[in-house]
Amino acid sequence: EQLDYSVNNFSKSHIFVVNTNPIKVACLVIEILSMVKDSFYCLNKRAERQRELVISGSLKILNKITSLDEMRQYIYDSDLDGRDLLTYIWEFQIKEFLVQPLISTLVKEIWNS
């Protein structure tokens, strides 16, 4: 219930708004939901629904980013385990993020380098 509220309530204290890399926060929430699904089969549907809501909210944020440099910062920003945004996209199969034009451009840039 708290996660429902946190994901759906876009305000100044929203879980994505108060962080320097809201997309990484979304990926971490997706990771937690994946762990919940693995541990509690009875919560699979609910966790999947929450995952879809988190991705939907993240796409709204991604679509507001217009600078390639800002997106590059989000993509290359790694966590304490050394995982960056592309690692999360691969690990948790968040294909929806790859549709975003700036991410797509950066993936092509990385591929061609």
PDB file of N, CA and C in Angstrom:
ATOM      1  N   GLU A   1       0.812  -1.192   0.000  1.00  0.00           N
ATOM      2  CA  GLU A   1       0.000   0.000   0.000  1.00  0.00           C
ATOM      3  C   GLU A   1       0.857   1.258   0.000  1.00  0.00           C
ATOM      4  N   GLN A   2       1.926   1.241   0.783  1.00  0.00           N
ATOM      5  CA  GLN A   2       2.816   2.404   0.822  1.00  0.00           C
ATOM      6  C   GLN A   2       3.488   2.608  -0.524  1.00  0.00           C
ATOM      7  N   LEU A   3       3.885   1.508  -1.176  1.00  0.00           N
ATOM      8  CA  LEU A   3       4.502   1.620  -2.492  1.00  0.00           C
ATOM      9  C   LEU A   3       3.509   2.168  -3.504  1.00  0.00           C
ATOM     10  N   ASP A   4       2.264   1.718  -3.432  1.00  0.00           N
ATOM     11  CA  ASP A   4       1.206   2.265  -4.295  1.00  0.00           C
ATOM     12  C   ASP A   4       1.149   3.780  -4.141  1.00  0.00           C
ATOM     13  N   TYR A   5       1.104   4.235  -2.914  1.00  0.00           N
ATOM     14  CA  TYR A   5       1.003   5.659  -2.634  1.00  0.00           C
ATOM     15  C   TYR A   5       2.230   6.406  -3.141  1.00  0.00           C
ATOM     16  N   SER A   6       3.417   5.850  -2.860  1.00  0.00           N
ATOM     17  CA  SER A   6       4.665   6.518  -3.230  1.00  0.00           C
ATOM     18  C   SER A   6       4.831   6.639  -4.737  1.00  0.00           C
ATOM     19  N   VAL A   7       4.402   5.635  -5.472  1.00  0.00           N
ATOM     20  CA  VAL A   7       4.560   5.654  -6.923  1.00  0.00           C
ATOM     21  C   VAL A   7       3.516   6.545  -7.575  1.00  0.00           C
ATOM     22  N   ASN A   8       2.306   6.530  -7.064  1.00  0.00           N
ATOM     23  CA  ASN A   8       1.211   7.261  -7.698  1.00  0.00           C
ATOM     24  C   ASN A   8       1.116   8.725  -7.284  1.00  0.00           C
ATOM     25  N   ASN A   9       1.708   9.104  -6.167  1.00  0.00           N
ATOM     26  CA  ASN A   9       1.584  10.456  -5.648  1.00  0.00           C
ATOM     27  C   ASN A   9       2.785  11.308  -6.083  1.00  0.00           C
ATOM     28  N   PHE A  10       2.661  11.986  -7.228  1.00  0.00           N
ATOM     29  CA  PHE A  10       3.735  12.857  -7.711  1.00  0.00           C
ATOM     30  C   PHE A  10       3.654  14.188  -6.998  1.00  0.00           C
ATOM     31  N   SER A  11       4.532  14.388  -6.034  1.00  0.00           N
ATOM     32  CA  SER A  11       4.584  15.645  -5.300  1.00  0.00           C
ATOM     33  C   SER A  11       6.049  15.987  -5.067  1.00  0.00           C
ATOM     34  N   LYS A  12       6.299  17.036  -4.308  1.00  0.00           N
ATOM     35  CA  LYS A  12       7.672  17.446  -4.040  1.00  0.00           C
ATOM     36  C   LYS A  12       8.451  16.397  -3.257  1.00  0.00           C
ATOM     37  N   SER A  13       7.765  15.520  -2.544  1.00  0.00           N
ATOM     38  CA  SER A  13       8.450  14.495  -1.762  1.00  0.00           C
ATOM     39  C   SER A  13       8.369  13.128  -2.428  1.00  0.00           C
ATOM     40  N   HIS A  14       8.060  13.114  -3.711  1.00  0.00           N
ATOM     41  CA  HIS A  14       7.936  11.859  -4.443  1.00  0.00           C
ATOM     42  C   HIS A  14       9.263  11.110  -4.442  1.00  0.00           C
ATOM     43  N   ILE A  15       9.186   9.793  -4.430  1.00  0.00           N
ATOM     44  CA  ILE A  15      10.373   8.941  -4.352  1.00  0.00           C
ATOM     45  C   ILE A  15      11.370   9.219  -5.480  1.00  0.00           C
ATOM     46  N   PHE A  16      10.880   9.589  -6.670  1.00  0.00           N
ATOM     47  CA  PHE A  16      11.778   9.850  -7.790  1.00  0.00           C
ATOM     48  C   PHE A  16      12.294  11.281  -7.800  1.00  0.00           C
ATOM     49  N   VAL A  17      11.541  12.208  -7.264  1.00  0.00           N
ATOM     50  CA  VAL A  17      11.864  13.627  -7.354  1.00  0.00           C
ATOM     51  C   VAL A  17      12.985  14.024  -6.411  1.00  0.00           C
ATOM     52  N   VAL A  18      13.079  13.403  -5.260  1.00  0.00           N
ATOM     53  CA  VAL A  18      14.034  13.833  -4.238  1.00  0.00           C
ATOM     54  C   VAL A  18      15.420  13.198  -4.399  1.00  0.00           C
ATOM     55  N   ASN A  19      15.688  12.546  -5.499  1.00  0.00           N
ATOM     56  CA  ASN A  19      16.976  11.895  -5.715  1.00  0.00           C
ATOM     57  C   ASN A  19      17.692  12.511  -6.913  1.00  0.00           C
ATOM     58  N   THR A  20      19.021  12.395  -6.929  1.00  0.00           N
ATOM     59  CA  THR A  20      19.788  12.963  -8.027  1.00  0.00           C
ATOM     60  C   THR A  20      19.683  12.139  -9.302  1.00  0.00           C
ATOM     61  N   ASN A  21      19.382  10.861  -9.182  1.00  0.00           N
ATOM     62  CA  ASN A  21      19.197  10.014 -10.361  1.00  0.00           C
ATOM     63  C   ASN A  21      17.895   9.229 -10.203  1.00  0.00           C
ATOM     64  N   PRO A  22      16.777   9.831 -10.568  1.00  0.00           N
ATOM     65  CA  PRO A  22      15.481   9.175 -10.361  1.00  0.00           C
ATOM     66  C   PRO A  22      15.323   7.889 -11.155  1.00  0.00           C
ATOM     67  N   ILE A  23      16.029   7.773 -12.272  1.00  0.00           N
ATOM     68  CA  ILE A  23      15.914   6.565 -13.080  1.00  0.00           C
ATOM     69  C   ILE A  23      16.596   5.397 -12.372  1.00  0.00           C
ATOM     70  N   LYS A  24      17.713   5.672 -11.726  1.00  0.00           N
ATOM     71  CA  LYS A  24      18.380   4.612 -10.964  1.00  0.00           C
ATOM     72  C   LYS A  24      17.509   4.181  -9.780  1.00  0.00           C
ATOM     73  N   VAL A  25      16.845   5.126  -9.162  1.00  0.00           N
ATOM     74  CA  VAL A  25      15.928   4.799  -8.060  1.00  0.00           C
ATOM     75  C   VAL A  25      14.828   3.869  -8.567  1.00  0.00           C
ATOM     76  N   ALA A  26      14.295   4.175  -9.742  1.00  0.00           N
ATOM     77  CA  ALA A  26      13.262   3.315 -10.331  1.00  0.00           C
ATOM     78  C   ALA A  26      13.805   1.909 -10.559  1.00  0.00           C
ATOM     79  N   CYS A  27      15.043   1.830 -11.042  1.00  0.00           N
ATOM     80  CA  CYS A  27      15.649   0.513 -11.260  1.00  0.00           C
ATOM     81  C   CYS A  27      15.835  -0.250  -9.948  1.00  0.00           C
ATOM     82  N   LEU A  28      16.207   0.463  -8.899  1.00  0.00           N
ATOM     83  CA  LEU A  28      16.361  -0.184  -7.593  1.00  0.00           C
ATOM     84  C   LEU A  28      15.017  -0.679  -7.063  1.00  0.00           C
ATOM     85  N   VAL A  29      13.961   0.086  -7.281  1.00  0.00           N
ATOM     86  CA  VAL A  29      12.622  -0.352  -6.876  1.00  0.00           C
ATOM     87  C   VAL A  29      12.224  -1.594  -7.679  1.00  0.00           C
ATOM     88  N   ILE A  30      12.542  -1.599  -8.963  1.00  0.00           N
ATOM     89  CA  ILE A  30      12.251  -2.767  -9.807  1.00  0.00           C
ATOM     90  C   ILE A  30      13.038  -3.975  -9.315  1.00  0.00           C
ATOM     91  N   GLU A  31      14.275  -3.756  -8.878  1.00  0.00           N
ATOM     92  CA  GLU A  31      15.071  -4.852  -8.319  1.00  0.00           C
ATOM     93  C   GLU A  31      14.411  -5.423  -7.060  1.00  0.00           C
ATOM     94  N   ILE A  32      13.930  -4.545  -6.193  1.00  0.00           N
ATOM     95  CA  ILE A  32      13.249  -4.994  -4.971  1.00  0.00           C
ATOM     96  C   ILE A  32      11.984  -5.771  -5.327  1.00  0.00           C
ATOM     97  N   LEU A  33      11.232  -5.270  -6.296  1.00  0.00           N
ATOM     98  CA  LEU A  33      10.012  -5.977  -6.728  1.00  0.00           C
ATOM     99  C   LEU A  33      10.353  -7.344  -7.294  1.00  0.00           C
ATOM    100  N   SER A  34      11.462  -7.447  -7.993  1.00  0.00           N
ATOM    101  CA  SER A  34      11.905  -8.735  -8.517  1.00  0.00           C
ATOM    102  C   SER A  34      12.235  -9.706  -7.386  1.00  0.00           C
ATOM    103  N   MET A  35      12.870  -9.194  -6.343  1.00  0.00           N
ATOM    104  CA  MET A  35      13.183 -10.041  -5.184  1.00  0.00           C
ATOM    105  C   MET A  35      11.908 -10.488  -4.477  1.00  0.00           C
ATOM    106  N   VAL A  36      10.917  -9.595  -4.406  1.00  0.00           N
ATOM    107  CA  VAL A  36       9.627  -9.953  -3.807  1.00  0.00           C
ATOM    108  C   VAL A  36       8.963 -11.057  -4.617  1.00  0.00           C
ATOM    109  N   LYS A  37       8.979 -10.913  -5.942  1.00  0.00           N
ATOM    110  CA  LYS A  37       8.381 -11.931  -6.808  1.00  0.00           C
ATOM    111  C   LYS A  37       9.064 -13.280  -6.629  1.00  0.00           C
ATOM    112  N   ASP A  38      10.400 -13.260  -6.496  1.00  0.00           N
ATOM    113  CA  ASP A  38      11.146 -14.508  -6.318  1.00  0.00           C
ATOM    114  C   ASP A  38      10.874 -15.158  -4.971  1.00  0.00           C
ATOM    115  N   SER A  39      10.627 -14.348  -3.961  1.00  0.00           N
ATOM    116  CA  SER A  39      10.445 -14.872  -2.600  1.00  0.00           C
ATOM    117  C   SER A  39       9.002 -15.221  -2.263  1.00  0.00           C
ATOM    118  N   PHE A  40       8.062 -14.512  -2.862  1.00  0.00           N
ATOM    119  CA  PHE A  40       6.653 -14.690  -2.498  1.00  0.00           C
ATOM    120  C   PHE A  40       5.810 -14.842  -3.765  1.00  0.00           C
ATOM    121  N   TYR A  41       5.583 -16.061  -4.154  1.00  0.00           N
ATOM    122  CA  TYR A  41       4.852 -16.331  -5.398  1.00  0.00           C
ATOM    123  C   TYR A  41       3.471 -15.682  -5.397  1.00  0.00           C
ATOM    124  N   CYS A  42       2.830 -15.661  -4.246  1.00  0.00           N
ATOM    125  CA  CYS A  42       1.472 -15.118  -4.167  1.00  0.00           C
ATOM    126  C   CYS A  42       1.418 -13.623  -4.474  1.00  0.00           C
ATOM    127  N   LEU A  43       2.560 -12.939  -4.475  1.00  0.00           N
ATOM    128  CA  LEU A  43       2.593 -11.502  -4.747  1.00  0.00           C
ATOM    129  C   LEU A  43       3.056 -11.167  -6.163  1.00  0.00           C
ATOM    130  N   ASN A  44       3.175 -12.187  -7.019  1.00  0.00           N
ATOM    131  CA  ASN A  44       3.668 -11.960  -8.379  1.00  0.00           C
ATOM    132  C   ASN A  44       2.857 -10.926  -9.146  1.00  0.00           C
ATOM    133  N   LYS A  45       1.545 -11.074  -9.146  1.00  0.00           N
ATOM    134  CA  LYS A  45       0.690 -10.156  -9.910  1.00  0.00           C
ATOM    135  C   LYS A  45       0.799  -8.727  -9.387  1.00  0.00           C
ATOM    136  N   ARG A  46       0.775  -8.590  -8.087  1.00  0.00           N
ATOM    137  CA  ARG A  46       0.859  -7.254  -7.491  1.00  0.00           C
ATOM    138  C   ARG A  46       2.216  -6.607  -7.762  1.00  0.00           C
ATOM    139  N   ALA A  47       3.274  -7.406  -7.635  1.00  0.00           N
ATOM    140  CA  ALA A  47       4.619  -6.884  -7.897  1.00  0.00           C
ATOM    141  C   ALA A  47       4.759  -6.495  -9.369  1.00  0.00           C
ATOM    142  N   GLU A  48       4.177  -7.275 -10.258  1.00  0.00           N
ATOM    143  CA  GLU A  48       4.236  -6.951 -11.686  1.00  0.00           C
ATOM    144  C   GLU A  48       3.471  -5.664 -11.987  1.00  0.00           C
ATOM    145  N   ARG A  49       2.336  -5.485 -11.330  1.00  0.00           N
ATOM    146  CA  ARG A  49       1.558  -4.255 -11.512  1.00  0.00           C
ATOM    147  C   ARG A  49       2.349  -3.040 -11.006  1.00  0.00           C
ATOM    148  N   GLN A  50       3.004  -3.196  -9.872  1.00  0.00           N
ATOM    149  CA  GLN A  50       3.827  -2.114  -9.336  1.00  0.00           C
ATOM    150  C   GLN A  50       4.996  -1.805 -10.264  1.00  0.00           C
ATOM    151  N   ARG A  51       5.583  -2.857 -10.826  1.00  0.00           N
ATOM    152  CA  ARG A  51       6.688  -2.687 -11.774  1.00  0.00           C
ATOM    153  C   ARG A  51       6.233  -1.842 -12.955  1.00  0.00           C
ATOM    154  N   GLU A  52       5.056  -2.137 -13.480  1.00  0.00           N
ATOM    155  CA  GLU A  52       4.521  -1.378 -14.610  1.00  0.00           C
ATOM    156  C   GLU A  52       4.290   0.085 -14.235  1.00  0.00           C
ATOM    157  N   LEU A  53       3.813   0.328 -13.014  1.00  0.00           N
ATOM    158  CA  LEU A  53       3.605   1.702 -12.563  1.00  0.00           C
ATOM    159  C   LEU A  53       4.929   2.451 -12.416  1.00  0.00           C
ATOM    160  N   VAL A  54       5.941   1.770 -11.894  1.00  0.00           N
ATOM    161  CA  VAL A  54       7.262   2.391 -11.730  1.00  0.00           C
ATOM    162  C   VAL A  54       7.845   2.722 -13.107  1.00  0.00           C
ATOM    163  N   ILE A  55       7.728   1.792 -14.045  1.00  0.00           N
ATOM    164  CA  ILE A  55       8.241   2.044 -15.394  1.00  0.00           C
ATOM    165  C   ILE A  55       7.490   3.196 -16.038  1.00  0.00           C
ATOM    166  N   SER A  56       6.185   3.223 -15.882  1.00  0.00           N
ATOM    167  CA  SER A  56       5.377   4.303 -16.447  1.00  0.00           C
ATOM    168  C   SER A  56       5.805   5.666 -15.889  1.00  0.00           C
ATOM    169  N   GLY A  57       5.986   5.747 -14.577  1.00  0.00           N
ATOM    170  CA  GLY A  57       6.440   6.992 -13.957  1.00  0.00           C
ATOM    171  C   GLY A  57       7.838   7.377 -14.412  1.00  0.00           C
ATOM    172  N   SER A  58       8.693   6.380 -14.572  1.00  0.00           N
ATOM    173  CA  SER A  58      10.059   6.635 -15.018  1.00  0.00           C
ATOM    174  C   SER A  58      10.088   7.161 -16.446  1.00  0.00           C
ATOM    175  N   LEU A  59       9.227   6.619 -17.286  1.00  0.00           N
ATOM    176  CA  LEU A  59       9.169   7.079 -18.674  1.00  0.00           C
ATOM    177  C   LEU A  59       8.729   8.541 -18.744  1.00  0.00           C
ATOM    178  N   LYS A  60       7.844   8.950 -17.849  1.00  0.00           N
ATOM    179  CA  LYS A  60       7.442  10.363 -17.802  1.00  0.00           C
ATOM    180  C   LYS A  60       8.642  11.243 -17.488  1.00  0.00           C
ATOM    181  N   ILE A  61       9.478  10.797 -16.568  1.00  0.00           N
ATOM    182  CA  ILE A  61      10.684  11.552 -16.211  1.00  0.00           C
ATOM    183  C   ILE A  61      11.673  11.534 -17.374  1.00  0.00           C
ATOM    184  N   LEU A  62      11.885  10.363 -17.962  1.00  0.00           N
ATOM    185  CA  LEU A  62      12.826  10.249 -19.076  1.00  0.00           C
ATOM    186  C   LEU A  62      12.429  11.137 -20.246  1.00  0.00           C
ATOM    187  N   ASN A  63      11.154  11.230 -20.511  1.00  0.00           N
ATOM    188  CA  ASN A  63      10.694  12.025 -21.638  1.00  0.00           C
ATOM    189  C   ASN A  63      10.866  13.524 -21.419  1.00  0.00           C
ATOM    190  N   LYS A  64      11.075  13.942 -20.181  1.00  0.00           N
ATOM    191  CA  LYS A  64      11.309  15.359 -19.889  1.00  0.00           C
ATOM    192  C   LYS A  64      12.781  15.743 -20.021  1.00  0.00           C
ATOM    193  N   ILE A  65      13.646  14.754 -20.129  1.00  0.00           N
ATOM    194  CA  ILE A  65      15.075  15.030 -20.269  1.00  0.00           C
ATOM    195  C   ILE A  65      15.353  15.343 -21.738  1.00  0.00           C
ATOM    196  N   THR A  66      15.923  16.509 -21.989  1.00  0.00           N
ATOM    197  CA  THR A  66      16.169  16.932 -23.371  1.00  0.00           C
ATOM    198  C   THR A  66      17.656  17.003 -23.706  1.00  0.00           C
ATOM    199  N   SER A  67      18.503  16.973 -22.708  1.00  0.00           N
ATOM    200  CA  SER A  67      19.942  17.113 -22.922  1.00  0.00           C
ATOM    201  C   SER A  67      20.615  15.746 -22.987  1.00  0.00           C
ATOM    202  N   LEU A  68      21.382  15.542 -24.037  1.00  0.00           N
ATOM    203  CA  LEU A  68      22.127  14.292 -24.177  1.00  0.00           C
ATOM    204  C   LEU A  68      23.161  14.151 -23.062  1.00  0.00           C
ATOM    205  N   ASP A  69      23.751  15.262 -22.643  1.00  0.00           N
ATOM    206  CA  ASP A  69      24.740  15.216 -21.559  1.00  0.00           C
ATOM    207  C   ASP A  69      24.099  14.804 -20.232  1.00  0.00           C
ATOM    208  N   GLU A  70      22.904  15.313 -19.967  1.00  0.00           N
ATOM    209  CA  GLU A  70      22.198  14.929 -18.743  1.00  0.00           C
ATOM    210  C   GLU A  70      21.857  13.444 -18.766  1.00  0.00           C
ATOM    211  N   MET A  71      21.380  12.956 -19.917  1.00  0.00           N
ATOM    212  CA  MET A  71      21.059  11.533 -20.029  1.00  0.00           C
ATOM    213  C   MET A  71      22.324  10.690 -19.890  1.00  0.00           C
ATOM    214  N   ARG A  72      23.420  11.168 -20.456  1.00  0.00           N
ATOM    215  CA  ARG A  72      24.692  10.450 -20.337  1.00  0.00           C
ATOM    216  C   ARG A  72      25.081  10.328 -18.869  1.00  0.00           C
ATOM    217  N   GLN A  73      24.865  11.395 -18.101  1.00  0.00           N
ATOM    218  CA  GLN A  73      25.174  11.369 -16.672  1.00  0.00           C
ATOM    219  C   GLN A  73      24.334  10.306 -15.968  1.00  0.00           C
ATOM    220  N   TYR A  74      23.049  10.228 -16.298  1.00  0.00           N
ATOM    221  CA  TYR A  74      22.177   9.222 -15.686  1.00  0.00           C
ATOM    222  C   TYR A  74      22.600   7.810 -16.065  1.00  0.00           C
ATOM    223  N   ILE A  75      22.989   7.624 -17.306  1.00  0.00           N
ATOM    224  CA  ILE A  75      23.345   6.282 -17.778  1.00  0.00           C
ATOM    225  C   ILE A  75      24.642   5.798 -17.149  1.00  0.00           C
ATOM    226  N   TYR A  76      25.626   6.666 -17.069  1.00  0.00           N
ATOM    227  CA  TYR A  76      26.940   6.251 -16.571  1.00  0.00           C
ATOM    228  C   TYR A  76      27.057   6.293 -15.048  1.00  0.00           C
ATOM    229  N   ASP A  77      26.105   6.880 -14.373  1.00  0.00           N
ATOM    230  CA  ASP A  77      26.124   6.943 -12.912  1.00  0.00           C
ATOM    231  C   ASP A  77      25.948   5.527 -12.364  1.00  0.00           C
ATOM    232  N   SER A  78      26.939   5.063 -11.624  1.00  0.00           N
ATOM    233  CA  SER A  78      26.868   3.699 -11.107  1.00  0.00           C
ATOM    234  C   SER A  78      26.614   3.695  -9.605  1.00  0.00           C
ATOM    235  N   ASP A  79      26.105   2.575  -9.128  1.00  0.00           N
ATOM    236  CA  ASP A  79      25.818   2.445  -7.700  1.00  0.00           C
ATOM    237  C   ASP A  79      27.046   1.882  -6.983  1.00  0.00           C
ATOM    238  N   LEU A  80      26.891   1.541  -5.722  1.00  0.00           N
ATOM    239  CA  LEU A  80      28.022   1.045  -4.932  1.00  0.00           C
ATOM    240  C   LEU A  80      28.545  -0.297  -5.432  1.00  0.00           C
ATOM    241  N   ASP A  81      27.714  -1.038  -6.163  1.00  0.00           N
ATOM    242  CA  ASP A  81      28.139  -2.315  -6.730  1.00  0.00           C
ATOM    243  C   ASP A  81      28.728  -2.160  -8.123  1.00  0.00           C
ATOM    244  N   GLY A  82      28.814  -0.927  -8.619  1.00  0.00           N
ATOM    245  CA  GLY A  82      29.377  -0.669  -9.931  1.00  0.00           C
ATOM    246  C   GLY A  82      28.406  -0.883 -11.083  1.00  0.00           C
ATOM    247  N   ARG A  83      27.118  -1.004 -10.784  1.00  0.00           N
ATOM    248  CA  ARG A  83      26.126  -1.222 -11.844  1.00  0.00           C
ATOM    249  C   ARG A  83      25.594   0.122 -12.322  1.00  0.00           C
ATOM    250  N   ASP A  84      25.563   0.291 -13.641  1.00  0.00           N
ATOM    251  CA  ASP A  84      25.011   1.520 -14.209  1.00  0.00           C
ATOM    252  C   ASP A  84      23.613   1.234 -14.760  1.00  0.00           C
ATOM    253  N   LEU A  85      23.003   2.253 -15.356  1.00  0.00           N
ATOM    254  CA  LEU A  85      21.631   2.137 -15.834  1.00  0.00           C
ATOM    255  C   LEU A  85      21.473   1.039 -16.878  1.00  0.00           C
ATOM    256  N   LEU A  86      22.433   0.926 -17.793  1.00  0.00           N
ATOM    257  CA  LEU A  86      22.329  -0.102 -18.826  1.00  0.00           C
ATOM    258  C   LEU A  86      22.411  -1.507 -18.232  1.00  0.00           C
ATOM    259  N   THR A  87      23.178  -1.657 -17.176  1.00  0.00           N
ATOM    260  CA  THR A  87      23.238  -2.957 -16.491  1.00  0.00           C
ATOM    261  C   THR A  87      21.880  -3.305 -15.902  1.00  0.00           C
ATOM    262  N   TYR A  88      21.229  -2.340 -15.275  1.00  0.00           N
ATOM    263  CA  TYR A  88      19.887  -2.568 -14.726  1.00  0.00           C
ATOM    264  C   TYR A  88      18.884  -2.897 -15.830  1.00  0.00           C
ATOM    265  N   ILE A  89      18.965  -2.150 -16.943  1.00  0.00           N
ATOM    266  CA  ILE A  89      18.040  -2.405 -18.048  1.00  0.00           C
ATOM    267  C   ILE A  89      18.206  -3.839 -18.544  1.00  0.00           C
ATOM    268  N   TRP A  90      19.442  -4.280 -18.663  1.00  0.00           N
ATOM    269  CA  TRP A  90      19.706  -5.651 -19.116  1.00  0.00           C
ATOM    270  C   TRP A  90      19.272  -6.678 -18.066  1.00  0.00           C
ATOM    271  N   GLU A  91      19.684  -6.453 -16.826  1.00  0.00           N
ATOM    272  CA  GLU A  91      19.439  -7.429 -15.765  1.00  0.00           C
ATOM    273  C   GLU A  91      17.945  -7.635 -15.486  1.00  0.00           C
ATOM    274  N   PHE A  92      17.163  -6.567 -15.536  1.00  0.00           N
ATOM    275  CA  PHE A  92      15.741  -6.664 -15.201  1.00  0.00           C
ATOM    276  C   PHE A  92      14.836  -6.515 -16.419  1.00  0.00           C
ATOM    277  N   GLN A  93      15.447  -6.563 -17.604  1.00  0.00           N
ATOM    278  CA  GLN A  93      14.710  -6.545 -18.866  1.00  0.00           C
ATOM    279  C   GLN A  93      13.711  -5.392 -18.941  1.00  0.00           C
ATOM    280  N   ILE A  94      14.208  -4.201 -18.742  1.00  0.00           N
ATOM    281  CA  ILE A  94      13.371  -2.997 -18.787  1.00  0.00           C
ATOM    282  C   ILE A  94      13.467  -2.428 -20.202  1.00  0.00           C
ATOM    283  N   LYS A  95      12.915  -3.144 -21.142  1.00  0.00           N
ATOM    284  CA  LYS A  95      12.997  -2.775 -22.559  1.00  0.00           C
ATOM    285  C   LYS A  95      12.341  -1.434 -22.845  1.00  0.00           C
ATOM    286  N   GLU A  96      11.380  -1.058 -22.038  1.00  0.00           N
ATOM    287  CA  GLU A  96      10.656   0.199 -22.247  1.00  0.00           C
ATOM    288  C   GLU A  96      11.586   1.403 -22.212  1.00  0.00           C
ATOM    289  N   PHE A  97      12.652   1.328 -21.431  1.00  0.00           N
ATOM    290  CA  PHE A  97      13.595   2.442 -21.338  1.00  0.00           C
ATOM    291  C   PHE A  97      14.379   2.630 -22.633  1.00  0.00           C
ATOM    292  N   LEU A  98      14.616   1.537 -23.353  1.00  0.00           N
ATOM    293  CA  LEU A  98      15.419   1.610 -24.576  1.00  0.00           C
ATOM    294  C   LEU A  98      14.696   2.319 -25.713  1.00  0.00           C
ATOM    295  N   VAL A  99      13.390   2.467 -25.603  1.00  0.00           N
ATOM    296  CA  VAL A  99      12.603   3.148 -26.625  1.00  0.00           C
ATOM    297  C   VAL A  99      12.831   4.654 -26.565  1.00  0.00           C
ATOM    298  N   GLN A 100      13.199   5.154 -25.411  1.00  0.00           N
ATOM    299  CA  GLN A 100      13.415   6.589 -25.231  1.00  0.00           C
ATOM    300  C   GLN A 100      14.554   7.025 -26.158  1.00  0.00           C
ATOM    301  N   PRO A 101      14.335   8.068 -26.979  1.00  0.00           N
ATOM    302  CA  PRO A 101      15.308   8.449 -28.012  1.00  0.00           C
ATOM    303  C   PRO A 101      16.723   8.746 -27.510  1.00  0.00           C
ATOM    304  N   LEU A 102      16.855   9.455 -26.396  1.00  0.00           N
ATOM    305  CA  LEU A 102      18.199   9.785 -25.914  1.00  0.00           C
ATOM    306  C   LEU A 102      18.954   8.544 -25.440  1.00  0.00           C
ATOM    307  N   ILE A 103      18.258   7.638 -24.791  1.00  0.00           N
ATOM    308  CA  ILE A 103      18.913   6.392 -24.364  1.00  0.00           C
ATOM    309  C   ILE A 103      19.309   5.584 -25.586  1.00  0.00           C
ATOM    310  N   SER A 104      18.423   5.517 -26.555  1.00  0.00           N
ATOM    311  CA  SER A 104      18.710   4.799 -27.789  1.00  0.00           C
ATOM    312  C   SER A 104      19.943   5.377 -28.480  1.00  0.00           C
ATOM    313  N   THR A 105      20.029   6.695 -28.528  1.00  0.00           N
ATOM    314  CA  THR A 105      21.182   7.364 -29.133  1.00  0.00           C
ATOM    315  C   THR A 105      22.470   7.015 -28.390  1.00  0.00           C
ATOM    316  N   LEU A 106      22.417   7.029 -27.058  1.00  0.00           N
ATOM    317  CA  LEU A 106      23.605   6.720 -26.275  1.00  0.00           C
ATOM    318  C   LEU A 106      24.013   5.252 -26.407  1.00  0.00           C
ATOM    319  N   VAL A 107      23.040   4.364 -26.505  1.00  0.00           N
ATOM    320  CA  VAL A 107      23.359   2.947 -26.692  1.00  0.00           C
ATOM    321  C   VAL A 107      24.061   2.758 -28.032  1.00  0.00           C
ATOM    322  N   LYS A 108      23.575   3.417 -29.067  1.00  0.00           N
ATOM    323  CA  LYS A 108      24.230   3.344 -30.386  1.00  0.00           C
ATOM    324  C   LYS A 108      25.640   3.930 -30.318  1.00  0.00           C
ATOM    325  N   GLU A 109      25.786   5.013 -29.588  1.00  0.00           N
ATOM    326  CA  GLU A 109      27.103   5.645 -29.417  1.00  0.00           C
ATOM    327  C   GLU A 109      28.074   4.696 -28.726  1.00  0.00           C
ATOM    328  N   ILE A 110      27.604   4.022 -27.697  1.00  0.00           N
ATOM    329  CA  ILE A 110      28.444   3.062 -26.975  1.00  0.00           C
ATOM    330  C   ILE A 110      28.779   1.882 -27.884  1.00  0.00           C
ATOM    331  N   TRP A 111      27.805   1.411 -28.618  1.00  0.00           N
ATOM    332  CA  TRP A 111      28.006   0.254 -29.501  1.00  0.00           C
ATOM    333  C   TRP A 111      29.041   0.557 -30.574  1.00  0.00           C
ATOM    334  N   ASN A 112      29.021   1.778 -31.111  1.00  0.00           N
ATOM    335  CA  ASN A 112      29.934   2.150 -32.190  1.00  0.00           C
ATOM    336  C   ASN A 112      31.330   2.535 -31.697  1.00  0.00           C
ATOM    337  N   SER A 113      31.507   2.679 -30.400  1.00  0.00           N
ATOM    338  CA  SER A 113      32.826   3.081 -29.892  1.00  0.00           C
ATOM    339  C   SER A 113      33.764   1.909 -29.689  1.00  0.00           C
TER     340      SER A 113
END
